[in-house]
């Protein structure tokens, strides 16, 4: 029995530990390490899959020609796995939902179960299009949590910046907007189709409605483009604005980010509140995380900031 982890397997710990170098490739690395831990745990537990040993085959979902992660590269990897590696019975990995929609279709066509460990997408939950796909992260509760937080601050107005023309009935943005309405928080503007190329228009709209609380509802790279462009280029990072997002700020590349916003761009990230969805941990997982964090702190001490070790 074989399981596939997508992403890089060639990063070094110095690169991964540098916050100024952070990007999606680090997430690929740590996600596949989590996959390795998962497989080891299953193989050591005879009651989960009796008389079965899971073996891992690693495939790189970055393009060998361009070095980029894209829809084309994930389709190519998915087709290679499905057609040339008949011993593979499940797939674990990838990162961006906007690219996983392509590979999820391929895997479903070949009836290969595909687990997305990081994706957070309503679209991918369409069982007619992606019957063999499932995601590990929770996708509910973010809107209620953020709306409750704003309500506790007596916030009555909020603006929403969306990456595309989202489906108002089945999207994370719709979940936020429904929660805002339930909490009697007025949505003063919904800016759809936002990107780095529409920053001027987005800026004018926010100023025209006198927006103070602003939610960015987009993927990690688009969130970074929109947030850094508005806060750094348009100088919208001050006590006048409160920024929120449901995704982390992950620029497409370090060199591009420095070119657009300067070498100290990442310092602006201290001005945003991110509502990341996580499944409630079990006591055993909390203990394992505490041991893992302590190990990292021991390795990196004293030359870097310590991670917060959870209480067991």
Protein backbone atom coordinates (compact mmCIF):
# COMPACT_ATOMS: atom_id res chain seq x y z
CA UNK A 1 0.00 0.00 0.00
CA UNK A 2 1.43 3.39 -0.97
CA UNK A 3 0.64 6.97 -0.08
CA UNK A 4 1.86 10.08 -1.87
CA UNK A 5 3.02 13.31 -0.27
CA UNK A 6 3.21 16.30 -2.56
CA UNK A 7 5.78 19.05 -2.31
CA UNK A 8 9.45 19.69 -1.72
CA UNK A 9 11.67 17.29 0.13
CA UNK A 10 14.88 19.27 -0.27
CA UNK A 11 14.73 22.16 2.21
CA UNK A 12 17.27 22.76 4.95
CA UNK A 13 16.46 23.68 8.55
CA UNK A 14 18.29 27.03 8.38
CA UNK A 15 16.09 28.17 5.49
CA UNK A 16 12.92 26.86 7.13
CA UNK A 17 13.71 28.63 10.42
CA UNK A 18 14.16 32.09 8.90
CA UNK A 19 10.83 34.03 9.11
CA UNK A 20 12.00 36.47 6.42
CA UNK A 21 12.25 33.58 3.97
CA UNK A 22 8.81 32.12 4.65
CA UNK A 23 6.78 30.97 1.66
CA UNK A 24 4.59 28.09 0.48
CA UNK A 25 7.62 25.81 0.01
CA UNK A 26 8.14 25.68 3.78
CA UNK A 27 4.53 24.64 4.23
CA UNK A 28 5.05 21.87 1.70
CA UNK A 29 8.01 20.63 3.71
CA UNK A 30 6.25 20.59 7.08
CA UNK A 31 3.05 19.13 5.64
CA UNK A 32 4.91 16.18 4.19
CA UNK A 33 6.75 15.72 7.49
CA UNK A 34 3.32 15.53 9.14
CA UNK A 35 2.35 12.91 6.56
CA UNK A 36 5.42 10.88 7.49
CA UNK A 37 4.47 11.01 11.19
CA UNK A 38 0.93 9.94 10.32
CA UNK A 39 2.12 6.95 8.28
CA UNK A 40 4.58 5.87 10.97
CA UNK A 41 1.83 6.00 13.60
CA UNK A 42 -0.52 3.90 11.46
CA UNK A 43 2.17 1.31 10.70
CA UNK A 44 2.92 0.98 14.41
CA UNK A 45 -0.75 0.47 15.32
CA UNK A 46 -1.94 -3.01 14.26
CA UNK A 47 -5.62 -2.23 14.87
CA UNK A 48 -5.93 0.53 12.22
CA UNK A 49 -4.89 -1.39 9.07
CA UNK A 50 -4.18 -4.98 10.14
CA UNK A 51 -1.57 -6.87 8.11
CA UNK A 52 -0.88 -3.79 6.01
CA UNK A 53 2.21 -1.63 5.73
CA UNK A 54 1.94 1.81 4.15
CA UNK A 55 4.90 2.88 2.04
CA UNK A 56 5.47 6.49 0.99
CA UNK A 57 6.30 7.60 -2.53
CA UNK A 58 7.16 11.28 -2.86
CA UNK A 59 6.33 13.37 -5.90
CA UNK A 60 7.27 17.00 -6.47
CA UNK A 61 4.26 19.08 -7.55
CA UNK A 62 6.46 21.99 -8.61
CA UNK A 63 7.15 22.23 -12.34
CA UNK A 64 10.58 20.78 -13.28
CA UNK A 65 10.85 23.40 -16.04
CA UNK A 66 9.73 26.61 -14.34
CA UNK A 67 10.19 25.72 -10.66
CA UNK A 68 6.68 27.06 -10.00
CA UNK A 69 3.62 25.55 -8.36
CA UNK A 70 0.63 25.93 -10.68
CA UNK A 71 -2.47 24.28 -12.03
CA UNK A 72 -0.50 22.82 -14.90
CA UNK A 73 2.18 21.34 -12.65
CA UNK A 74 -0.30 19.63 -10.30
CA UNK A 75 -2.23 18.17 -13.27
CA UNK A 76 1.02 16.80 -14.69
CA UNK A 77 1.94 15.18 -11.38
CA UNK A 78 -1.57 13.78 -10.90
CA UNK A 79 -1.60 12.23 -14.37
CA UNK A 80 1.85 10.73 -13.83
CA UNK A 81 0.76 9.14 -10.55
CA UNK A 82 -2.54 7.82 -11.90
CA UNK A 83 -1.14 6.40 -15.14
CA UNK A 84 2.38 5.27 -14.22
CA UNK A 85 2.24 4.35 -10.53
CA UNK A 86 -0.48 1.75 -10.17
CA UNK A 87 0.69 0.82 -6.67
CA UNK A 88 -0.45 4.21 -5.33
CA UNK A 89 -3.82 3.93 -3.58
CA UNK A 90 -4.10 7.36 -1.91
CA UNK A 91 -2.72 10.87 -2.22
CA UNK A 92 -1.83 13.29 0.58
CA UNK A 93 -0.50 16.78 -0.01
CA UNK A 94 -0.56 19.96 -2.09
CA UNK A 95 -1.23 23.39 -0.71
CA UNK A 96 -3.33 25.98 -2.57
CA UNK A 97 -7.00 25.17 -3.13
CA UNK A 98 -7.01 27.18 -6.37
CA UNK A 99 -4.58 24.63 -7.86
CA UNK A 100 -5.87 21.55 -6.06
CA UNK A 101 -9.20 21.84 -7.90
CA UNK A 102 -7.39 20.60 -11.01
CA UNK A 103 -5.58 17.64 -9.47
CA UNK A 104 -8.68 16.73 -7.41
CA UNK A 105 -10.60 16.25 -10.67
CA UNK A 106 -7.85 14.00 -12.04
CA UNK A 107 -7.65 11.87 -8.89
CA UNK A 108 -11.45 11.57 -8.76
CA UNK A 109 -11.49 10.48 -12.40
CA UNK A 110 -9.04 7.67 -11.55
CA UNK A 111 -10.84 6.95 -8.23
CA UNK A 112 -7.81 7.81 -6.10
CA UNK A 113 -8.62 9.22 -2.62
CA UNK A 114 -6.97 12.63 -2.21
CA UNK A 115 -6.53 14.25 1.22
CA UNK A 116 -5.73 17.97 1.28
CA UNK A 117 -3.95 18.72 4.58
CA UNK A 118 -3.90 22.52 4.20
CA UNK A 119 -6.63 23.45 1.72
CA UNK A 120 -9.63 25.31 3.07
CA UNK A 121 -12.20 25.49 0.30
CA UNK A 122 -15.94 25.19 -0.07
CA UNK A 123 -15.57 24.58 -3.81
CA UNK A 124 -13.54 21.43 -3.23
CA UNK A 125 -16.34 19.99 -1.08
CA UNK A 126 -18.54 19.57 -4.17
CA UNK A 127 -19.06 15.80 -4.17
CA UNK A 128 -20.25 15.80 -7.79
CA UNK A 129 -16.99 17.32 -9.07
CA UNK A 130 -14.55 15.91 -6.51
CA UNK A 131 -16.02 12.69 -5.08
CA UNK A 132 -12.63 11.34 -3.94
CA UNK A 133 -11.33 14.52 -2.30
CA UNK A 134 -11.49 15.40 1.41
CA UNK A 135 -9.71 18.04 3.47
CA UNK A 136 -8.24 17.76 6.93
CA UNK A 137 -8.89 21.29 8.16
CA UNK A 138 -12.17 22.46 9.58
CA UNK A 139 -14.05 24.92 7.39
CA UNK A 140 -16.79 26.06 9.76
CA UNK A 141 -16.96 28.55 12.57
CA UNK A 142 -14.58 31.22 11.29
CA UNK A 143 -17.32 33.67 10.42
CA UNK A 144 -19.06 33.30 13.78
CA UNK A 145 -15.77 33.66 15.67
CA UNK A 146 -14.74 36.87 13.88
CA UNK A 147 -18.25 38.35 14.01
CA UNK A 148 -18.46 37.62 17.75
CA UNK A 149 -15.08 39.27 18.29
CA UNK A 150 -16.14 42.40 16.40
CA UNK A 151 -19.46 42.49 18.22
CA UNK A 152 -17.66 42.33 21.57
CA UNK A 153 -15.73 45.42 20.44
CA UNK A 154 -19.03 47.15 19.56
CA UNK A 155 -18.10 47.24 15.87
CA UNK A 156 -21.07 48.10 13.66
CA UNK A 157 -19.50 48.47 10.19
CA UNK A 158 -17.12 46.29 8.15
CA UNK A 159 -15.84 46.18 4.56
CA UNK A 160 -15.09 42.90 2.74
CA UNK A 161 -12.42 42.46 0.05
CA UNK A 162 -12.91 39.25 -1.95
CA UNK A 163 -10.49 37.62 -4.36
CA UNK A 164 -13.06 36.68 -6.98
CA UNK A 165 -16.75 36.68 -7.82
CA UNK A 166 -17.57 34.27 -4.99
CA UNK A 167 -20.68 32.16 -4.68
CA UNK A 168 -22.73 33.82 -1.95
CA UNK A 169 -24.27 30.49 -0.91
CA UNK A 170 -21.16 28.31 -0.70
CA UNK A 171 -17.97 30.15 0.14
CA UNK A 172 -15.99 31.21 3.16
CA UNK A 173 -16.69 34.84 2.30
CA UNK A 174 -20.41 34.10 2.35
CA UNK A 175 -20.00 32.49 5.76
CA UNK A 176 -18.37 35.65 7.10
CA UNK A 177 -21.02 37.91 5.58
CA UNK A 178 -23.89 35.83 6.97
CA UNK A 179 -22.29 35.96 10.43
CA UNK A 180 -21.84 39.73 10.21
CA UNK A 181 -25.50 40.15 9.31
CA UNK A 182 -26.57 37.88 12.18
CA UNK A 183 -24.59 40.10 14.56
CA UNK A 184 -26.18 43.25 13.08
CA UNK A 185 -22.83 44.40 11.66
CA UNK A 186 -23.36 46.48 8.52
CA UNK A 187 -21.33 45.44 5.45
CA UNK A 188 -20.48 48.83 3.97
CA UNK A 189 -18.70 47.48 0.88
CA UNK A 190 -18.04 44.16 -0.87
CA UNK A 191 -15.11 44.55 -3.25
CA UNK A 192 -14.95 41.52 -5.57
CA UNK A 193 -12.24 40.56 -8.03
CA UNK A 194 -9.56 42.27 -5.92
CA UNK A 195 -5.90 41.74 -6.83
CA UNK A 196 -2.62 43.61 -6.92
CA UNK A 197 -3.76 45.12 -10.24
CA UNK A 198 -6.90 46.71 -8.73
CA UNK A 199 -5.32 48.25 -5.63
CA UNK A 200 -6.06 51.84 -6.65
CA UNK A 201 -9.74 51.06 -7.20
CA UNK A 202 -9.91 49.08 -3.96
CA UNK A 203 -8.25 51.93 -2.07
CA UNK A 204 -10.71 54.51 -3.42
CA UNK A 205 -13.69 52.33 -2.53
CA UNK A 206 -12.50 51.81 1.04
CA UNK A 207 -11.90 55.52 1.48
CA UNK A 208 -15.29 56.43 -0.01
CA UNK A 209 -17.19 54.32 2.55
CA UNK A 210 -14.90 55.39 5.41
CA UNK A 211 -14.00 51.76 6.16
CA UNK A 212 -12.18 51.09 9.42
CA UNK A 213 -12.63 47.32 9.93
CA UNK A 214 -11.61 45.50 6.73
CA UNK A 215 -11.74 41.74 6.03
CA UNK A 216 -9.64 40.24 3.23
CA UNK A 217 -11.23 37.05 1.94
CA UNK A 218 -8.68 35.53 -0.45
CA UNK A 219 -5.97 32.90 -0.84
CA UNK A 220 -2.61 33.32 0.95
CA UNK A 221 -0.70 34.93 -1.93
CA UNK A 222 -3.59 37.22 -2.92
CA UNK A 223 -4.09 38.17 0.73
CA UNK A 224 -0.42 39.18 0.87
CA UNK A 225 -0.70 41.17 -2.38
CA UNK A 226 -3.78 43.05 -1.24
CA UNK A 227 -2.73 43.66 2.36
CA UNK A 228 0.87 44.74 1.79
CA UNK A 229 -0.08 46.93 -1.19
CA UNK A 230 -2.77 48.74 0.78
CA UNK A 231 -0.87 49.05 4.07
CA UNK A 232 2.58 49.85 2.65
CA UNK A 233 2.02 51.39 -0.79
CA UNK A 234 -1.20 53.18 0.15
CA UNK A 235 -0.17 53.71 3.79
CA UNK A 236 -3.33 52.20 5.25
CA UNK A 237 -1.61 50.77 8.31
CA UNK A 238 -2.38 53.00 11.24
CA UNK A 239 -4.71 53.28 14.21
CA UNK A 240 -7.44 54.26 11.74
CA UNK A 241 -7.71 50.72 10.35
CA UNK A 242 -8.22 47.22 11.71
CA UNK A 243 -7.34 44.45 9.23
CA UNK A 244 -8.67 40.89 9.34
CA UNK A 245 -8.13 37.86 7.10
CA UNK A 246 -8.94 34.15 7.02
CA UNK A 247 -5.60 33.22 5.44
CA UNK A 248 -1.94 33.90 6.31
CA UNK A 249 0.19 36.40 4.41
CA UNK A 250 2.34 34.31 2.05
CA UNK A 251 3.94 36.29 -0.81
CA UNK A 252 4.53 34.45 -4.07
CA UNK A 253 8.28 34.90 -3.69
CA UNK A 254 10.71 36.78 -1.46
CA UNK A 255 12.36 38.64 -4.35
CA UNK A 256 8.99 39.81 -5.70
CA UNK A 257 7.87 40.96 -2.24
CA UNK A 258 11.07 42.97 -1.68
CA UNK A 259 10.77 44.55 -5.12
CA UNK A 260 7.15 45.58 -4.53
CA UNK A 261 7.19 46.63 -0.87
CA UNK A 262 10.80 46.86 0.31
CA UNK A 263 13.06 44.56 2.37
CA UNK A 264 11.20 45.19 5.63
CA UNK A 265 7.74 44.50 4.21
CA UNK A 266 7.04 41.58 6.58
CA UNK A 267 7.02 43.94 9.58
CA UNK A 268 3.62 45.19 8.41
CA UNK A 269 2.16 41.75 9.18
CA UNK A 270 1.94 42.71 12.85
CA UNK A 271 -1.08 44.81 11.95
CA UNK A 272 -3.47 42.07 10.84
CA UNK A 273 -5.72 39.61 12.69
CA UNK A 274 -5.83 36.16 11.04
CA UNK A 275 -8.65 33.74 11.81
CA UNK A 276 -7.12 30.37 10.96
CA UNK A 277 -9.34 27.28 11.25
CA UNK A 278 -7.97 24.41 13.30
CA UNK A 279 -9.59 21.22 14.48
CA UNK A 280 -9.74 20.84 18.29
CA UNK A 281 -6.66 18.85 19.38
CA UNK A 282 -6.90 15.65 21.35
CA UNK A 283 -4.94 15.32 24.64
CA UNK A 284 -2.49 12.94 22.93
CA UNK A 285 -1.85 15.38 20.07
CA UNK A 286 -1.39 18.23 22.56
CA UNK A 287 1.29 16.18 24.33
CA UNK A 288 3.02 15.34 21.05
CA UNK A 289 2.94 19.01 20.02
CA UNK A 290 4.44 20.05 23.36
CA UNK A 291 7.33 17.59 22.91
CA UNK A 292 7.84 18.73 19.32
CA UNK A 293 7.90 22.44 20.25
CA UNK A 294 10.33 21.80 23.10
CA UNK A 295 12.61 19.90 20.73
CA UNK A 296 12.57 22.81 18.28
CA UNK A 297 13.34 25.26 21.07
CA UNK A 298 16.26 23.12 22.25
CA UNK A 299 17.68 22.92 18.73
CA UNK A 300 17.34 26.63 18.00
CA UNK A 301 18.26 28.06 21.40
CA UNK A 302 19.70 30.60 21.96
CA UNK A 303 19.89 32.11 18.48
CA UNK A 304 16.18 32.53 17.73
CA UNK A 305 12.87 33.32 19.41
CA UNK A 306 11.33 30.39 21.27
CA UNK A 307 8.05 28.87 20.17
CA UNK A 308 5.23 28.90 22.68
CA UNK A 309 5.02 25.41 24.15
CA UNK A 310 1.40 24.34 24.76
CA UNK A 311 0.35 23.18 28.20
CA UNK A 312 -0.15 19.46 28.50
